[in-house]
Amino acid sequence: KTAPARPARIPAKTMQTPVLVLNTNTKREQGRKAQLGNIQAAQAVADIIRTTLGPRSMLKMILDPMGGLVMTNDGNAILREIDVSHPAAKSMIELSRTQDEEVGDGTTSVIVLAGEMLTVAKPFLEENMHPRTIVMSYIKALDTAIETMDKIAIKVDAEDDTVMLNVIRTCLGTKFVRRFGDLICNIALQAVRKVTITEMKQKVIDIKRFVRVEKIPGGFLEESKVLNGIAIAKDIINPNMSRKIVNPRIILLDCPLEYKKGESQTNMEFQKDMDFEQALRMEEAYIFKLCEDIIKLKPTVVCTEKGVSDYAQHFLIKAGISVLRRLRKTDNNRIARAVGATIVNDPADLKEAHVGKECGLFEVRKIGDEYFSFFEQCKNPKACTVMLRGAGKDVLNEIERNLQDAMGVARALVVDPRIICGGGACEMAIGQALVKQAKTIQTSQQRPFEALAAAFEIIPRTLMENCGAKVIRVMTELRAKHAEGKSFSWGVNGTTGEITDMEELKIFEPISVKYQTVKTAIESSCMLLRIDDIVSGLANKEQ
């Protein structure tokens, strides 16, 4: 038998077709290009707000997409309004928001510091040093920085108003409200003192939920104050109700005082002509029962989060009760904390213990164009309202932002009563400690370690730049002062640009603000340095 013919050999292709895994519309940056792009984006964000650091800072005016105006030098408020497309820049802006939520101050410092830490890493990346080496060095430096801060911190008594005011003054010294003296400082301190409670041997201060800031245009800023109770922008629902009640008994509800309405559509079947009247009578009987359960406890003020029907008003007016309806849930919670009442879901469940009796005066007053209901002279309010008066809306918004920062600082100090010198003194001390520590490192991590020490100098340097000092000369003097190692309190006077002892100037910051700033800046730098590939999956349809 003859062997079967072998098939002809097909010559192999010299070129293979490329396999496309990603969509052709996606944009991709890899390796060194991605890392350097991230650093440039971080630098750009830091440059936006660098001039807003310190007492001689400039303001930024931002037009939001809705046509609103924001004028501020608060780092977080500026970056919140800016629309950026680069993912690394978005990540930087998130740092500022985190800082604001956690401690309330240091929103500008954290961005400037993080931007500089990435900038000093750039030469090492260009020399092809592995990002992991730089990151390991930065993490080691973070431990040294925290140890240094613990060493130079001063323990204080959080109950001492003088110390607290010094720290709040430092926070507000860079803001718009510093020209009004200690007014906002005192308001912030009083508000924080009011809402402080001790739970399981720990102090809990919830500013967000229990301090309400009411901004009322008109009047003078000097008329601003912290109420010993709560004010809400509501009027009584019927002119026959009392507008002023001394020692009121307050009931808080979160149910409607009207007959139940169907969700979308309600069907009722009537057999006889009397059935319709009976249905109305049942509704009336239901409302009468609700009112009876309330009147039984002899309250003088009833607040509900839902509606109140005319029929229910009739019974409540006869019983001499003033009613506020459609309150916000948050307002109801604040009133409950201030007057010692409990919010009840069903009037049938009401007991004497649920009635709030700790309020000394309920009164409805007109301020500007609005009516406000005041629950004042509370015995021990654990919630309060801050009334802010001022010339216009933009001014009031800026004062509120400053007040929130001041309250954040006061809260941070009550929770951890240790302070640290401001004005760049703390950053210089950390820088010196890192330079000393770098000499003990024998590996390739030594150079990034030293570079990070130089990065910390950006804070005092920016303070000098913003007040027009001779940066190189003053910076050299400041380095010399810290190199002597005698005192850690030498920093920059942000108003004159001279070197001053911060303890004499009484420029102090809570240690928790500095902890948060340094940790966030170093950790975010490490995170951005470890990115080596950016894939933008969302392609613009129009392009």
Protein backbone atom coordinates (compact mmCIF):
# COMPACT_ATOMS: atom_id res chain seq x y z
CA LYS A 1 0.00 0.00 0.00
CA THR A 2 1.22 3.47 -0.77
CA ALA A 3 1.51 5.94 2.18
CA PRO A 4 -1.17 8.70 2.29
CA ALA A 5 -0.05 12.00 0.82
CA ARG A 6 1.14 14.46 3.43
CA PRO A 7 -0.77 17.80 3.38
CA ALA A 8 1.17 20.76 2.09
CA ARG A 9 2.86 22.75 4.85
CA ILE A 10 1.40 26.24 5.46
CA PRO A 11 4.13 28.81 6.15
CA ALA A 12 3.81 30.43 9.62
CA LYS A 13 2.77 34.08 9.67
CA THR A 14 5.61 36.37 10.49
CA MET A 15 3.32 38.95 12.18
CA GLN A 16 0.56 38.07 14.66
CA THR A 17 -2.52 40.24 14.95
CA PRO A 18 -2.52 42.17 18.27
CA VAL A 19 -5.11 40.99 20.79
CA LEU A 20 -7.21 43.90 22.03
CA VAL A 21 -8.38 43.20 25.56
CA LEU A 22 -9.55 46.69 26.48
CA ASN A 23 -12.17 48.68 24.68
CA THR A 24 -10.54 50.94 22.06
CA ASN A 25 -12.16 53.99 23.67
CA THR A 26 -10.44 53.50 27.03
CA LYS A 27 -7.54 55.76 27.91
CA ARG A 28 -4.61 54.09 29.63
CA GLU A 29 -1.47 55.42 31.27
CA GLN A 30 1.18 53.03 32.51
CA GLY A 31 4.35 52.93 34.57
CA ARG A 32 6.46 56.03 35.05
CA LYS A 33 4.09 58.21 33.02
CA ALA A 34 1.16 57.41 35.36
CA GLN A 35 3.26 58.09 38.48
CA LEU A 36 4.58 61.42 37.25
CA GLY A 37 1.08 62.38 36.08
CA ASN A 38 -0.28 61.72 39.56
CA ILE A 39 2.43 63.85 41.14
CA GLN A 40 1.71 66.74 38.75
CA ALA A 41 -2.03 66.52 39.54
CA ALA A 42 -1.34 66.59 43.29
CA GLN A 43 0.99 69.59 42.83
CA ALA A 44 -1.69 71.42 40.85
CA VAL A 45 -4.28 70.91 43.62
CA ALA A 46 -1.79 72.01 46.29
CA ASP A 47 -0.90 75.15 44.27
CA ILE A 48 -4.58 76.19 44.13
CA ILE A 49 -4.84 76.58 47.89
CA ARG A 50 -1.24 77.29 48.91
CA THR A 51 -1.95 81.02 49.23
CA THR A 52 -4.81 80.37 51.69
CA LEU A 53 -2.50 79.18 54.49
CA GLY A 54 -1.83 81.41 57.51
CA PRO A 55 -3.10 84.72 58.91
CA ARG A 56 -2.02 86.69 55.82
CA SER A 57 -3.88 84.31 53.52
CA MET A 58 -5.81 85.34 50.43
CA LEU A 59 -9.45 84.51 49.74
CA LYS A 60 -10.69 82.56 46.72
CA MET A 61 -13.88 83.42 44.89
CA ILE A 62 -15.57 80.45 43.24
CA LEU A 63 -18.64 80.42 41.01
CA ASP A 64 -20.44 77.11 41.29
CA PRO A 65 -22.36 75.57 38.33
CA MET A 66 -25.68 76.86 39.74
CA GLY A 67 -24.40 80.45 39.66
CA GLY A 68 -23.83 80.66 43.45
CA LEU A 69 -20.83 82.51 44.87
CA VAL A 70 -18.40 81.10 47.42
CA MET A 71 -15.80 83.42 48.97
CA THR A 72 -13.54 81.67 51.44
CA ASN A 73 -10.04 80.65 52.44
CA ASP A 74 -11.16 77.33 53.94
CA GLY A 75 -9.28 74.60 52.02
CA ASN A 76 -12.15 72.14 52.12
CA ALA A 77 -14.79 74.68 51.03
CA ILE A 78 -12.63 75.70 48.03
CA LEU A 79 -11.80 72.20 46.83
CA ARG A 80 -15.39 71.02 47.37
CA GLU A 81 -16.56 73.50 44.70
CA ILE A 82 -13.84 72.70 42.14
CA ASP A 83 -14.67 70.21 39.42
CA VAL A 84 -11.59 68.12 38.50
CA SER A 85 -11.25 65.23 36.07
CA HIS A 86 -7.90 63.69 37.06
CA PRO A 87 -8.38 60.71 39.45
CA ALA A 88 -5.32 61.62 41.57
CA ALA A 89 -6.61 65.19 42.00
CA LYS A 90 -9.98 63.79 43.12
CA SER A 91 -8.17 61.65 45.67
CA MET A 92 -6.34 64.75 47.01
CA ILE A 93 -9.62 66.66 47.35
CA GLU A 94 -11.02 63.75 49.35
CA LEU A 95 -8.18 64.21 51.89
CA SER A 96 -9.37 67.72 52.65
CA ARG A 97 -12.95 66.48 53.20
CA THR A 98 -11.77 63.72 55.52
CA GLN A 99 -9.69 66.20 57.54
CA ASP A 100 -12.68 68.53 57.86
CA GLU A 101 -15.00 65.74 59.05
CA GLU A 102 -12.52 64.25 61.51
CA VAL A 103 -11.01 67.29 63.24
CA GLY A 104 -12.42 70.40 61.53
CA ASP A 105 -9.09 72.21 61.02
CA GLY A 106 -5.92 71.73 58.97
CA THR A 107 -7.74 71.25 55.65
CA THR A 108 -5.26 73.48 53.78
CA SER A 109 -2.15 72.15 55.57
CA VAL A 110 -2.91 68.52 54.70
CA ILE A 111 -3.16 69.25 50.94
CA VAL A 112 -0.03 71.45 50.89
CA LEU A 113 1.92 68.82 52.86
CA ALA A 114 0.74 65.86 50.75
CA GLY A 115 1.53 67.78 47.53
CA GLU A 116 5.08 68.52 48.73
CA MET A 117 5.67 64.92 49.86
CA LEU A 118 4.84 63.71 46.36
CA THR A 119 7.00 66.46 44.80
CA VAL A 120 10.13 65.39 46.74
CA ALA A 121 9.57 61.78 45.58
CA LYS A 122 9.69 62.82 41.90
CA PRO A 123 13.55 62.84 41.52
CA PHE A 124 13.75 59.29 42.95
CA LEU A 125 11.19 57.99 40.46
CA GLU A 126 13.10 59.66 37.62
CA GLU A 127 16.25 57.83 38.83
CA ASN A 128 14.25 54.58 38.52
CA MET A 129 14.13 53.93 42.25
CA HIS A 130 11.34 51.45 42.98
CA PRO A 131 8.23 53.16 44.44
CA ARG A 132 8.07 50.43 47.10
CA THR A 133 11.42 51.65 48.54
CA ILE A 134 10.09 55.21 48.79
CA VAL A 135 6.84 54.01 50.38
CA MET A 136 8.67 51.89 53.00
CA SER A 137 10.82 54.90 53.84
CA TYR A 138 7.74 57.16 54.22
CA ILE A 139 5.96 54.66 56.49
CA LYS A 140 9.05 54.44 58.71
CA ALA A 141 9.15 58.25 58.82
CA LEU A 142 5.49 58.36 59.93
CA ASP A 143 6.37 56.41 63.10
CA THR A 144 9.21 58.84 63.86
CA ALA A 145 6.91 61.84 63.25
CA ILE A 146 4.25 60.51 65.66
CA GLU A 147 6.89 59.78 68.34
CA THR A 148 8.24 63.35 67.95
CA MET A 149 4.76 64.86 68.31
CA ASP A 150 4.10 62.82 71.45
CA LYS A 151 7.43 64.04 72.85
CA ILE A 152 6.84 67.77 72.23
CA ALA A 153 3.11 67.79 73.17
CA ILE A 154 1.99 69.76 76.25
CA LYS A 155 -0.79 68.31 78.40
CA VAL A 156 -3.44 70.87 79.40
CA ASP A 157 -6.67 71.05 81.34
CA ALA A 158 -9.61 71.01 78.89
CA GLU A 159 -11.82 72.67 81.52
CA ASP A 160 -9.61 75.77 81.54
CA ASP A 161 -11.27 78.38 79.31
CA THR A 162 -8.04 80.40 78.83
CA VAL A 163 -6.22 77.45 77.24
CA MET A 164 -9.23 76.51 75.13
CA LEU A 165 -9.63 80.09 73.86
CA ASN A 166 -5.91 80.29 72.96
CA VAL A 167 -6.25 77.18 70.79
CA ILE A 168 -9.52 78.32 69.16
CA ARG A 169 -7.96 81.75 68.57
CA THR A 170 -5.07 80.09 66.70
CA CYS A 171 -7.57 78.24 64.50
CA LEU A 172 -9.58 81.41 63.76
CA GLY A 173 -6.48 83.64 63.42
CA THR A 174 -6.26 82.66 59.75
CA LYS A 175 -9.97 83.19 59.06
CA PHE A 176 -12.32 86.00 58.09
CA VAL A 177 -13.82 86.33 61.61
CA ARG A 178 -10.58 87.17 63.45
CA ARG A 179 -11.32 90.89 63.03
CA PHE A 180 -14.33 90.45 65.33
CA GLY A 181 -12.19 89.51 68.33
CA ASP A 182 -13.17 86.66 70.63
CA LEU A 183 -16.89 86.61 69.81
CA ILE A 184 -16.87 83.49 67.60
CA CYS A 185 -14.26 81.82 69.87
CA ASN A 186 -16.60 82.16 72.85
CA ILE A 187 -19.63 80.97 70.84
CA ALA A 188 -17.73 77.86 69.68
CA LEU A 189 -16.52 77.07 73.21
CA GLN A 190 -19.99 77.52 74.77
CA ALA A 191 -21.65 75.35 72.10
CA VAL A 192 -19.14 72.51 72.57
CA ARG A 193 -19.40 72.69 76.37
CA LYS A 194 -23.21 72.45 76.11
CA VAL A 195 -23.35 69.33 73.95
CA THR A 196 -20.58 67.40 75.75
CA ILE A 197 -21.87 64.24 77.41
CA THR A 198 -19.97 61.42 79.10
CA GLU A 199 -20.76 57.88 77.95
CA MET A 200 -18.90 54.88 79.40
CA LYS A 201 -16.18 57.16 80.85
CA GLN A 202 -15.61 58.73 77.42
CA LYS A 203 -16.57 62.22 76.32
CA VAL A 204 -18.93 62.23 73.34
CA ILE A 205 -19.41 65.49 71.43
CA ASP A 206 -21.73 65.32 68.42
CA ILE A 207 -21.56 68.79 66.84
CA LYS A 208 -23.20 67.73 63.58
CA ARG A 209 -26.45 66.49 65.12
CA PHE A 210 -26.89 68.59 68.23
CA VAL A 211 -25.54 72.06 67.36
CA ARG A 212 -27.78 73.82 64.86
CA VAL A 213 -26.57 77.07 63.30
CA GLU A 214 -29.40 79.43 62.31
CA LYS A 215 -28.17 82.12 59.89
CA ILE A 216 -30.41 85.19 59.92
CA PRO A 217 -29.41 88.04 57.58
CA GLY A 218 -29.64 91.51 59.10
CA GLY A 219 -28.60 92.94 62.45
CA PHE A 220 -25.03 93.08 63.76
CA LEU A 221 -22.58 90.23 64.22
CA GLU A 222 -22.38 91.21 67.91
CA GLU A 223 -25.99 90.00 68.29
CA SER A 224 -24.90 86.41 67.56
CA LYS A 225 -25.18 84.10 70.55
CA VAL A 226 -25.56 80.53 71.77
CA LEU A 227 -29.06 79.89 73.10
CA ASN A 228 -29.57 78.01 76.31
CA GLY A 229 -31.96 75.80 74.39
CA ILE A 230 -33.32 75.46 70.86
CA ALA A 231 -34.80 77.78 68.22
CA ILE A 232 -36.62 76.47 65.14
CA ALA A 233 -37.99 78.40 62.17
CA LYS A 234 -41.65 77.48 62.83
CA ASP A 235 -44.73 79.41 63.93
CA ILE A 236 -47.75 78.07 65.85
CA ILE A 237 -50.42 76.75 63.46
CA ASN A 238 -53.39 78.76 64.80
CA PRO A 239 -53.54 82.39 66.00
CA ASN A 240 -55.68 81.36 69.00
CA MET A 241 -52.81 79.37 70.51
CA SER A 242 -50.52 80.83 73.19
CA ARG A 243 -47.31 82.42 71.89
CA LYS A 244 -45.58 82.52 75.28
CA ILE A 245 -45.68 79.79 77.93
CA VAL A 246 -43.57 79.74 81.09
CA ASN A 247 -42.41 76.29 82.27
CA PRO A 248 -44.14 74.42 79.42
CA ARG A 249 -44.90 70.69 79.45
CA ILE A 250 -43.73 69.49 76.04
CA ILE A 251 -44.83 66.39 74.13
CA LEU A 252 -42.94 65.33 70.97
CA LEU A 253 -44.58 63.07 68.38
CA ASP A 254 -43.61 61.67 65.03
CA CYS A 255 -47.10 60.66 63.91
CA PRO A 256 -49.84 62.67 62.14
CA LEU A 257 -52.73 64.11 64.16
CA GLU A 258 -55.17 63.59 61.29
CA TYR A 259 -57.09 60.68 59.83
CA LYS A 260 -55.05 58.13 57.94
CA LYS A 261 -54.72 58.83 54.25
CA GLY A 262 -54.31 56.05 51.70
CA GLU A 263 -50.95 55.67 49.98
CA SER A 264 -52.30 56.16 46.44
CA GLN A 265 -55.93 55.19 46.15
CA THR A 266 -58.54 54.24 48.74
CA ASN A 267 -61.82 52.45 47.97
CA MET A 268 -64.77 52.62 50.36
CA GLU A 269 -67.99 50.76 49.60
CA PHE A 270 -71.24 52.29 50.89
CA GLN A 271 -74.49 50.26 51.03
CA LYS A 272 -76.84 52.80 52.61
CA ASP A 273 -77.04 56.58 52.59
CA MET A 274 -76.06 56.64 56.29
CA ASP A 275 -72.79 54.80 55.65
CA PHE A 276 -70.99 57.93 54.40
CA GLU A 277 -71.88 59.82 57.58
CA GLN A 278 -70.73 56.85 59.63
CA ALA A 279 -67.37 56.87 57.81
CA LEU A 280 -66.93 60.57 58.64
CA ARG A 281 -67.90 59.89 62.26
CA MET A 282 -65.32 57.10 62.46
CA GLU A 283 -62.64 59.47 61.21
CA GLU A 284 -63.71 62.10 63.75
CA ALA A 285 -63.77 59.52 66.54
CA TYR A 286 -60.25 58.42 65.58
CA ILE A 287 -58.93 62.02 65.76
CA PHE A 288 -60.82 62.66 69.02
CA LYS A 289 -59.17 59.54 70.52
CA LEU A 290 -55.70 60.80 69.44
CA CYS A 291 -56.35 64.23 71.02
CA GLU A 292 -57.81 62.68 74.17
CA ASP A 293 -54.66 60.59 74.71
CA ILE A 294 -52.57 63.76 74.41
CA ILE A 295 -54.81 66.05 76.54
CA LYS A 296 -54.86 63.43 79.31
CA LEU A 297 -51.22 64.31 80.18
CA LYS A 298 -51.97 68.09 80.37
CA PRO A 299 -49.21 69.29 78.00
CA THR A 300 -48.93 72.94 76.98
CA VAL A 301 -46.82 72.45 73.81
CA VAL A 302 -47.10 69.62 71.26
CA CYS A 303 -44.59 69.23 68.41
CA THR A 304 -45.10 66.70 65.64
CA GLU A 305 -43.08 65.78 62.56
CA LYS A 306 -46.24 65.22 60.50
CA GLY A 307 -49.47 67.16 59.82
CA VAL A 308 -52.25 68.28 62.20
CA SER A 309 -55.85 68.45 60.90
CA ASP A 310 -58.24 71.36 61.62
CA TYR A 311 -60.45 69.03 63.66
CA ALA A 312 -57.52 68.06 65.92
CA GLN A 313 -56.56 71.76 66.26
CA HIS A 314 -60.08 72.48 67.56
CA PHE A 315 -59.67 70.06 70.51
CA LEU A 316 -56.08 71.11 71.25
CA ILE A 317 -56.97 74.86 71.29
CA LYS A 318 -59.83 74.13 73.70
CA ALA A 319 -57.29 72.40 76.00
CA GLY A 320 -54.94 75.44 75.78
CA ILE A 321 -52.20 73.62 73.88
CA SER A 322 -49.83 75.31 71.37
CA VAL A 323 -48.93 73.10 68.41
CA LEU A 324 -45.98 73.07 65.99
CA ARG A 325 -46.25 70.76 62.99
CA ARG A 326 -44.01 69.34 60.24
CA LEU A 327 -40.76 69.65 62.19
CA ARG A 328 -37.61 68.13 60.77
CA LYS A 329 -36.52 64.86 62.37
CA THR A 330 -33.21 66.46 63.38
CA ASP A 331 -34.98 69.43 65.04
CA ASN A 332 -37.24 67.07 66.97
CA ASN A 333 -34.18 65.12 68.21
CA ARG A 334 -32.53 68.36 69.36
CA ILE A 335 -35.65 69.51 71.24
CA ALA A 336 -35.86 66.07 72.89
CA ARG A 337 -32.25 66.36 74.13
CA ALA A 338 -32.72 69.95 75.32
CA VAL A 339 -36.03 69.61 77.21
CA GLY A 340 -35.72 66.02 78.44
CA ALA A 341 -38.66 64.68 76.41
CA THR A 342 -39.02 61.39 74.53
CA ILE A 343 -40.30 61.25 70.95
CA VAL A 344 -43.39 59.00 70.84
CA ASN A 345 -44.82 57.26 67.78
CA ASP A 346 -48.38 56.70 69.03
CA PRO A 347 -50.27 59.03 71.43
CA ALA A 348 -51.85 55.95 73.05
CA ASP A 349 -48.37 55.01 74.39
CA LEU A 350 -47.76 58.38 76.10
CA LYS A 351 -46.69 58.32 79.74
CA GLU A 352 -45.74 61.04 82.23
CA ALA A 353 -42.05 60.11 81.79
CA HIS A 354 -42.22 61.09 78.09
CA VAL A 355 -43.18 64.72 78.85
CA GLY A 356 -40.36 67.28 78.67
CA LYS A 357 -40.31 69.54 81.74
CA GLU A 358 -36.77 70.97 81.66
CA CYS A 359 -37.59 74.02 79.51
CA GLY A 360 -38.16 77.35 81.31
CA LEU A 361 -39.82 79.32 78.50
CA PHE A 362 -41.55 78.64 75.18
CA GLU A 363 -42.00 81.74 73.05
CA VAL A 364 -42.64 82.62 69.41
CA ARG A 365 -40.70 85.68 68.22
CA LYS A 366 -40.25 87.40 64.90
CA ILE A 367 -36.64 87.96 63.81
CA GLY A 368 -36.17 89.66 60.46
CA ASP A 369 -38.92 88.31 58.21
CA GLU A 370 -39.30 84.93 59.89
CA TYR A 371 -41.04 83.59 62.97
CA PHE A 372 -38.95 81.45 65.31
CA SER A 373 -40.16 79.22 68.15
CA PHE A 374 -37.77 79.37 71.10
CA PHE A 375 -37.40 76.68 73.75
CA GLU A 376 -35.22 78.61 76.20
CA GLN A 377 -33.90 78.63 79.78
CA CYS A 378 -33.44 74.85 79.72
CA LYS A 379 -31.99 73.41 82.93
CA ASN A 380 -29.30 71.22 81.37
CA PRO A 381 -29.56 71.30 77.57
CA LYS A 382 -27.46 68.73 75.76
CA ALA A 383 -28.31 70.35 72.41
CA CYS A 384 -28.31 74.00 71.41
CA THR A 385 -28.89 76.50 68.62
CA VAL A 386 -26.36 79.15 67.58
CA MET A 387 -28.00 82.32 66.22
CA LEU A 388 -25.74 84.08 63.70
CA ARG A 389 -26.56 87.60 62.53
CA GLY A 390 -24.66 89.43 59.82
CA ALA A 391 -24.77 91.76 56.85
CA GLY A 392 -25.43 89.33 54.01
CA LYS A 393 -25.70 85.72 52.95
CA ASP A 394 -22.08 85.34 51.75
CA VAL A 395 -20.70 86.81 54.99
CA LEU A 396 -22.94 84.55 57.09
CA ASN A 397 -21.91 81.46 55.13
CA GLU A 398 -18.23 82.26 55.71
CA ILE A 399 -18.82 82.92 59.43
CA GLU A 400 -20.63 79.58 59.70
CA ARG A 401 -17.71 77.75 58.04
CA ASN A 402 -15.30 79.43 60.48
CA LEU A 403 -17.54 78.55 63.42
CA GLN A 404 -17.67 74.88 62.34
CA ASP A 405 -13.84 74.81 62.23
CA ALA A 406 -13.62 76.42 65.68
CA MET A 407 -16.09 73.90 67.16
CA GLY A 408 -14.14 71.05 65.56
CA VAL A 409 -10.93 72.25 67.23
CA ALA A 410 -12.64 72.70 70.61
CA ARG A 411 -14.07 69.17 70.34
CA ALA A 412 -10.65 67.72 69.39
CA LEU A 413 -9.09 69.38 72.46
CA VAL A 414 -11.78 68.13 74.87
CA VAL A 415 -11.37 64.56 73.58
CA ASP A 416 -7.53 64.64 73.69
CA PRO A 417 -6.33 67.51 75.95
CA ARG A 418 -2.80 67.86 74.55
CA ILE A 419 -1.56 70.82 72.55
CA ILE A 420 1.38 71.39 70.26
CA CYS A 421 3.04 74.62 69.04
CA GLY A 422 1.73 75.99 65.74
CA GLY A 423 3.29 78.37 63.21
CA GLY A 424 5.39 75.63 61.59
CA ALA A 425 7.23 74.84 64.87
CA CYS A 426 5.88 71.29 65.03
CA GLU A 427 6.77 70.58 61.36
CA MET A 428 10.33 71.88 61.87
CA ALA A 429 10.74 69.70 64.97
CA ILE A 430 9.55 66.64 63.00
CA GLY A 431 11.94 67.57 60.16
CA GLN A 432 14.92 67.74 62.57
CA ALA A 433 13.97 64.40 64.14
CA LEU A 434 13.78 62.79 60.68
CA VAL A 435 17.22 64.19 59.68
CA LYS A 436 18.76 62.66 62.84
CA GLN A 437 16.96 59.36 62.28
CA ALA A 438 18.06 59.25 58.61
CA LYS A 439 21.73 59.04 59.70
CA THR A 440 21.00 55.66 61.34
CA ILE A 441 19.59 54.14 58.09
CA GLN A 442 22.17 52.32 55.98
CA THR A 443 19.95 51.13 53.10
CA SER A 444 18.64 52.93 49.99
CA GLN A 445 15.69 54.16 52.09
CA GLN A 446 17.91 56.87 53.58
CA ARG A 447 17.52 59.41 50.75
CA PRO A 448 13.69 59.41 50.61
CA PHE A 449 13.74 59.67 54.42
CA GLU A 450 15.87 62.84 54.24
CA ALA A 451 13.72 64.22 51.42
CA LEU A 452 10.59 63.79 53.55
CA ALA A 453 12.29 65.80 56.33
CA ALA A 454 12.71 68.65 53.82
CA ALA A 455 9.06 68.27 52.71
CA PHE A 456 7.84 69.15 56.22
CA GLU A 457 9.48 72.58 55.84
CA ILE A 458 6.84 73.54 53.25
CA ILE A 459 4.43 74.68 56.01
CA PRO A 460 6.72 77.33 57.61
CA ARG A 461 8.00 78.28 54.14
CA THR A 462 4.46 78.85 52.83
CA LEU A 463 3.64 80.96 55.91
CA MET A 464 6.68 83.14 55.12
CA GLU A 465 5.81 83.41 51.42
CA ASN A 466 2.23 84.44 52.20
CA CYS A 467 3.30 87.36 54.38
CA GLY A 468 6.13 88.50 52.11
CA ALA A 469 9.16 87.64 54.27
CA LYS A 470 12.66 86.90 52.93
CA VAL A 471 12.15 83.16 52.74
CA ILE A 472 15.73 81.86 52.41
CA ARG A 473 17.19 84.01 55.22
CA VAL A 474 14.36 83.38 57.69
CA MET A 475 14.23 79.66 56.84
CA THR A 476 17.96 79.28 57.51
CA GLU A 477 17.59 81.04 60.89
CA LEU A 478 14.65 78.77 61.80
CA ARG A 479 16.61 75.63 60.86
CA ALA A 480 19.50 76.82 63.03
CA LYS A 481 17.17 77.39 66.03
CA HIS A 482 15.78 73.86 65.76
CA ALA A 483 19.20 72.29 65.08
CA GLU A 484 20.38 73.60 68.48
CA GLY A 485 17.74 71.27 69.99
CA LYS A 486 17.08 73.50 73.03
CA SER A 487 13.47 74.38 72.24
CA PHE A 488 10.82 72.97 69.92
CA SER A 489 8.60 76.04 70.07
CA TRP A 490 10.34 78.27 67.49
CA GLY A 491 8.11 78.99 64.52
CA VAL A 492 7.05 81.67 62.06
CA ASN A 493 4.93 84.62 63.11
CA GLY A 494 2.42 84.43 60.24
CA THR A 495 1.61 88.14 60.45
CA THR A 496 5.14 89.63 60.37
CA GLY A 497 7.13 86.72 58.88
CA GLU A 498 9.67 86.79 61.73
CA ILE A 499 10.90 83.90 63.85
CA THR A 500 9.14 83.87 67.22
CA ASP A 501 8.70 81.58 70.20
CA MET A 502 5.19 80.20 69.69
CA GLU A 503 4.68 79.69 73.44
CA GLU A 504 5.04 83.46 73.95
CA LEU A 505 2.67 84.22 71.07
CA LYS A 506 0.24 81.58 72.44
CA ILE A 507 -0.08 79.87 69.04
CA PHE A 508 -1.19 76.33 69.85
CA GLU A 509 -3.01 73.55 68.02
CA PRO A 510 -4.63 70.35 69.34
CA ILE A 511 -2.36 67.35 68.84
CA SER A 512 -5.19 65.38 67.18
CA VAL A 513 -5.32 67.95 64.34
CA LYS A 514 -1.58 67.52 63.70
CA TYR A 515 -1.81 63.71 64.01
CA GLN A 516 -4.54 63.64 61.40
CA THR A 517 -2.69 66.05 59.08
CA VAL A 518 0.61 64.13 59.13
CA LYS A 519 -0.95 60.66 58.96
CA THR A 520 -3.32 61.57 56.13
CA ALA A 521 -0.60 63.35 54.12
CA ILE A 522 1.95 60.51 54.39
CA GLU A 523 -0.55 57.68 53.87
CA SER A 524 -2.12 59.33 50.80
CA SER A 525 1.34 60.02 49.32
CA CYS A 526 2.21 56.34 49.74
CA MET A 527 -1.04 55.33 48.10
CA LEU A 528 -0.56 57.61 45.07
CA LEU A 529 3.09 56.54 44.65
CA ARG A 530 2.07 52.89 44.41
CA ILE A 531 -0.21 53.51 41.40
CA ASP A 532 1.46 52.44 38.16
CA ASP A 533 -1.50 52.07 35.83
CA ILE A 534 -4.49 54.35 35.23
CA VAL A 535 -7.30 53.02 33.05
CA SER A 536 -10.09 55.48 32.28
CA GLY A 537 -12.96 53.16 31.35
CA LEU A 538 -15.59 55.84 30.86
CA ALA A 539 -15.28 57.07 27.30
CA ASN A 540 -17.04 60.27 26.38
CA LYS A 541 -19.83 59.39 23.90
CA GLU A 542 -19.59 62.72 22.07
CA GLN A 543 -15.91 62.27 21.36
